[in-house]
Amino acid sequence: MSAITIRNVDPELERQLRIRAAMSGNSMEEEARSILRAALSTEDGEDVDLYRTIRRHIEPLGGVELPLPDRGPMREPPTFAP
């Protein structure tokens, strides 16, 4: 496995990375790897699958289960006559 060193990182950028890492429960190093993976996961000009992109970001959080209401008979459409 290779290693890289990034010099002259703007202090504000480092602060943002530190906060983002803390919010996701990662080290700064792991968060930087995650950002690089996401940025390099698609080739330029390649179509992006929005569903898969959203799922890749949400799935590590555990997802969301929403209750589905019971289906009933269709309602009558509204009338707009005076």
Protein backbone atom coordinates (compact mmCIF):
# COMPACT_ATOMS: atom_id res chain seq x y z
CA MET A 1 0.00 0.00 0.00
CA SER A 2 1.40 3.38 -0.93
CA ALA A 3 1.39 6.60 1.07
CA ILE A 4 1.21 10.24 0.03
CA THR A 5 2.03 13.45 1.84
CA ILE A 6 0.07 16.61 1.11
CA ARG A 7 1.95 19.77 2.00
CA ASN A 8 0.75 23.37 2.37
CA VAL A 9 -2.85 22.49 3.24
CA ASP A 10 -4.83 25.62 3.96
CA PRO A 11 -5.71 25.77 7.70
CA GLU A 12 -9.39 26.33 6.90
CA LEU A 13 -9.44 23.27 4.64
CA GLU A 14 -7.80 21.21 7.40
CA ARG A 15 -10.40 22.46 9.89
CA GLN A 16 -13.23 21.47 7.54
CA LEU A 17 -11.70 18.02 7.02
CA ARG A 18 -11.31 17.56 10.79
CA ILE A 19 -14.97 18.49 11.38
CA ARG A 20 -16.23 16.30 8.53
CA ALA A 21 -14.18 13.36 9.82
CA ALA A 22 -15.50 13.82 13.36
CA MET A 23 -19.09 14.00 12.12
CA SER A 24 -18.73 10.71 10.23
CA GLY A 25 -16.75 9.03 13.01
CA ASN A 26 -13.58 8.69 10.92
CA SER A 27 -10.01 9.76 11.35
CA MET A 28 -8.88 12.62 9.13
CA GLU A 29 -6.84 10.12 7.12
CA GLU A 30 -9.83 7.81 6.53
CA GLU A 31 -12.04 10.78 5.65
CA ALA A 32 -9.48 11.98 3.08
CA ARG A 33 -9.41 8.47 1.58
CA SER A 34 -13.20 8.45 1.44
CA ILE A 35 -13.25 11.82 -0.33
CA LEU A 36 -10.65 10.63 -2.83
CA ARG A 37 -12.58 7.40 -3.48
CA ALA A 38 -15.80 9.33 -4.09
CA ALA A 39 -14.11 11.88 -6.34
CA LEU A 40 -12.38 9.22 -8.42
CA SER A 41 -15.16 6.63 -8.53
CA THR A 42 -16.53 7.82 -11.88
CA GLU A 43 -14.73 8.70 -15.07
CA ASP A 44 -15.24 12.18 -16.51
CA GLY A 45 -18.21 12.17 -18.84
CA GLU A 46 -19.54 8.90 -17.42
CA ASP A 47 -23.24 8.90 -16.61
CA VAL A 48 -23.87 9.04 -12.87
CA ASP A 49 -26.52 6.76 -11.43
CA LEU A 50 -28.22 9.02 -8.89
CA TYR A 51 -29.85 6.13 -7.04
CA ARG A 52 -26.55 4.30 -6.52
CA THR A 53 -24.77 7.51 -5.55
CA ILE A 54 -27.36 8.34 -2.88
CA ARG A 55 -27.43 4.74 -1.65
CA ARG A 56 -23.62 4.65 -1.35
CA HIS A 57 -23.77 7.70 0.95
CA ILE A 58 -26.81 6.65 3.00
CA GLU A 59 -26.21 2.90 3.40
CA PRO A 60 -23.33 3.28 5.91
CA LEU A 61 -25.73 5.24 8.13
CA GLY A 62 -28.11 2.30 8.36
CA GLY A 63 -30.78 3.44 5.94
CA VAL A 64 -34.30 4.54 6.73
CA GLU A 65 -37.41 2.41 7.04
CA LEU A 66 -40.56 4.38 6.33
CA PRO A 67 -43.97 2.98 7.22
CA LEU A 68 -46.21 2.52 4.21
CA PRO A 69 -49.84 3.52 4.75
CA ASP A 70 -52.56 0.99 3.98
CA ARG A 71 -54.08 1.40 0.56
CA GLY A 72 -57.71 2.35 0.48
CA PRO A 73 -60.24 3.07 -2.22
CA MET A 74 -59.44 5.91 -4.59
CA ARG A 75 -60.84 9.28 -3.53
CA GLU A 76 -63.23 11.25 -5.66
CA PRO A 77 -61.51 14.00 -7.62
CA PRO A 78 -62.25 17.55 -6.45
CA THR A 79 -64.79 19.67 -8.29
CA PHE A 80 -63.97 23.27 -9.01
CA ALA A 81 -67.41 24.35 -10.13
CA PRO A 82 -69.04 27.21 -8.18
